[in-house]
C-alpha atoms as a PDB file:
ATOM      1  CA  MET A   1     145.101 138.901  93.774  1.00  0.00           C
ATOM      2  CA  ARG A   2     146.696 139.407  97.176  1.00  0.00           C
ATOM      3  CA  ALA A   3     147.883 142.894  96.251  1.00  0.00           C
ATOM      4  CA  MET A   4     144.306 143.780  95.331  1.00  0.00           C
ATOM      5  CA  TYR A   5     143.085 142.710  98.783  1.00  0.00           C
ATOM      6  CA  LEU A   6     145.844 144.669 100.502  1.00  0.00           C
ATOM      7  CA  GLY A   7     145.039 147.694  98.347  1.00  0.00           C
ATOM      8  CA  ASN A   8     141.376 147.446  99.339  1.00  0.00           C
ATOM      9  CA  TYR A   9     142.273 147.262 103.027  1.00  0.00           C
ATOM     10  CA  PHE A  10     144.611 150.220 102.595  1.00  0.00           C
ATOM     11  CA  VAL A  11     141.919 152.372 100.977  1.00  0.00           C
ATOM     12  CA  ALA A  12     139.379 151.306 103.609  1.00  0.00           C
ATOM     13  CA  GLY A  13     141.817 152.223 106.366  1.00  0.00           C
ATOM     14  CA  CYS A  14     142.490 155.627 104.820  1.00  0.00           C
ATOM     15  CA  ILE A  15     138.759 156.263 104.630  1.00  0.00           C
ATOM     16  CA  ALA A  16     138.295 155.157 108.244  1.00  0.00           C
ATOM     17  CA  PHE A  17     141.020 157.472 109.556  1.00  0.00           C
ATOM     18  CA  SER A  18     139.645 160.338 107.462  1.00  0.00           C
ATOM     19  CA  LEU A  19     136.198 159.673 108.926  1.00  0.00           C
ATOM     20  CA  LEU A  20     137.669 159.773 112.423  1.00  0.00           C
ATOM     21  CA  GLY A  21     139.251 163.117 111.605  1.00  0.00           C
ATOM     22  CA  TRP A  22     135.931 164.443 110.367  1.00  0.00           C
ATOM     23  CA  VAL A  23     134.128 163.232 113.510  1.00  0.00           C
ATOM     24  CA  ALA A  24     136.817 164.858 115.645  1.00  0.00           C
ATOM     25  CA  SER A  25     136.234 168.198 113.946  1.00  0.00           C
ATOM     26  CA  LEU A  26     132.518 168.208 114.829  1.00  0.00           C
ATOM     27  CA  HIS A  27     132.687 168.707 118.592  1.00  0.00           C
ATOM     28  CA  PRO A  28     135.402 169.061 121.295  1.00  0.00           C
ATOM     29  CA  ILE A  29     134.173 165.957 123.139  1.00  0.00           C
ATOM     30  CA  ALA A  30     134.293 163.957 119.907  1.00  0.00           C
ATOM     31  CA  PHE A  31     137.838 165.257 119.413  1.00  0.00           C
ATOM     32  CA  ARG A  32     138.844 163.906 122.820  1.00  0.00           C
ATOM     33  CA  ALA A  33     137.162 160.571 122.112  1.00  0.00           C
ATOM     34  CA  VAL A  34     138.971 160.249 118.778  1.00  0.00           C
ATOM     35  CA  LEU A  35     142.272 161.156 120.469  1.00  0.00           C
ATOM     36  CA  CYS A  36     141.707 158.385 123.019  1.00  0.00           C
ATOM     37  CA  LEU A  37     140.895 155.939 120.223  1.00  0.00           C
ATOM     38  CA  LEU A  38     143.985 156.951 118.259  1.00  0.00           C
ATOM     39  CA  GLY A  39     146.063 156.608 121.422  1.00  0.00           C
ATOM     40  CA  ALA A  40     144.789 153.060 121.926  1.00  0.00           C
ATOM     41  CA  ILE A  41     145.541 152.258 118.286  1.00  0.00           C
ATOM     42  CA  ALA A  42     149.058 153.699 118.668  1.00  0.00           C
ATOM     43  CA  ILE A  43     149.691 151.585 121.780  1.00  0.00           C
ATOM     44  CA  ALA A  44     148.460 148.436 120.024  1.00  0.00           C
ATOM     45  CA  TRP A  45     150.594 149.291 116.980  1.00  0.00           C
ATOM     46  CA  GLY A  46     153.700 149.770 119.138  1.00  0.00           C
ATOM     47  CA  LEU A  47     153.092 146.524 121.005  1.00  0.00           C
ATOM     48  CA  SER A  48     152.664 144.729 117.695  1.00  0.00           C
ATOM     49  CA  TRP A  49     156.145 145.877 116.680  1.00  0.00           C
ATOM     50  CA  LEU A  50     157.611 144.749 119.993  1.00  0.00           C
ATOM     51  CA  LEU A  51     155.858 141.381 119.952  1.00  0.00           C
ATOM     52  CA  ASP A  52     156.062 140.702 116.229  1.00  0.00           C
ATOM     53  CA  PHE A  53     157.560 137.198 116.456  1.00  0.00           C
ATOM     54  CA  SER A  54     155.039 135.855 118.962  1.00  0.00           C
ATOM     55  CA  LEU A  55     152.165 137.684 117.272  1.00  0.00           C
ATOM     56  CA  SER A  56     153.078 136.249 113.874  1.00  0.00           C
ATOM     57  CA  LYS A  57     152.962 132.735 115.338  1.00  0.00           C
ATOM     58  CA  LEU A  58     149.571 133.458 116.888  1.00  0.00           C
ATOM     59  CA  LEU A  59     148.152 134.831 113.629  1.00  0.00           C
ATOM     60  CA  LYS A  60     149.951 132.129 111.592  1.00  0.00           C
ATOM     61  CA  ILE A  61     151.537 134.585 109.157  1.00  0.00           C
ATOM     62  CA  SER A  62     155.161 135.356 108.466  1.00  0.00           C
ATOM     63  CA  VAL A  63     156.951 138.156 110.291  1.00  0.00           C
ATOM     64  CA  ALA A  64     157.545 139.980 107.003  1.00  0.00           C
ATOM     65  CA  ASP A  65     153.791 139.956 106.238  1.00  0.00           C
ATOM     66  CA  LEU A  66     153.005 141.261 109.728  1.00  0.00           C
ATOM     67  CA  GLN A  67     155.569 144.028 109.389  1.00  0.00           C
ATOM     68  CA  ALA A  68     154.153 144.950 105.976  1.00  0.00           C
ATOM     69  CA  LEU A  69     150.687 145.233 107.520  1.00  0.00           C
ATOM     70  CA  LEU A  70     152.061 147.409 110.323  1.00  0.00           C
ATOM     71  CA  ILE A  71     153.826 149.712 107.862  1.00  0.00           C
ATOM     72  CA  GLY A  72     150.630 149.910 105.818  1.00  0.00           C
ATOM     73  CA  GLY A  73     148.708 150.793 108.974  1.00  0.00           C
ATOM     74  CA  PHE A  74     151.132 153.595 109.710  1.00  0.00           C
ATOM     75  CA  ALA A  75     150.753 154.928 106.167  1.00  0.00           C
ATOM     76  CA  MET A  76     146.956 154.842 106.570  1.00  0.00           C
ATOM     77  CA  LEU A  77     147.271 156.819 109.790  1.00  0.00           C
ATOM     78  CA  LEU A  78     149.475 159.424 108.145  1.00  0.00           C
ATOM     79  CA  ILE A  79     147.091 159.858 105.207  1.00  0.00           C
ATOM     80  CA  GLY A  80     144.093 160.111 107.527  1.00  0.00           C
ATOM     81  CA  LEU A  81     145.833 162.679 109.723  1.00  0.00           C
ATOM     82  CA  GLY A  82     146.866 164.607 106.632  1.00  0.00           C
ATOM     83  CA  VAL A  83     143.257 164.797 105.489  1.00  0.00           C
ATOM     84  CA  PHE A  84     142.196 165.869 108.988  1.00  0.00           C
ATOM     85  CA  LEU A  85     144.823 168.586 109.215  1.00  0.00           C
ATOM     86  CA  CYS A  86     144.139 169.910 105.707  1.00  0.00           C
ATOM     87  CA  THR A  87     140.399 170.366 106.272  1.00  0.00           C
END
């Protein structure tokens, strides 16, 4: 059951990053806005890796689960960027 939820979040994340890529291709200002958003996401992702022990206590999940979510988030980003670059 838990794998099904994680799979759903993964697919939703891939769709969201693909949508951001599509919005970025519409107009140069939208491209800059999406780049700023992706930059903020990258900073938050990096800080999550640095602060994983304290963040896992705050979210009340294990460190391994948090790291799995972060790796899944990175995979979603790569798939979304791949769709953006291939269109």
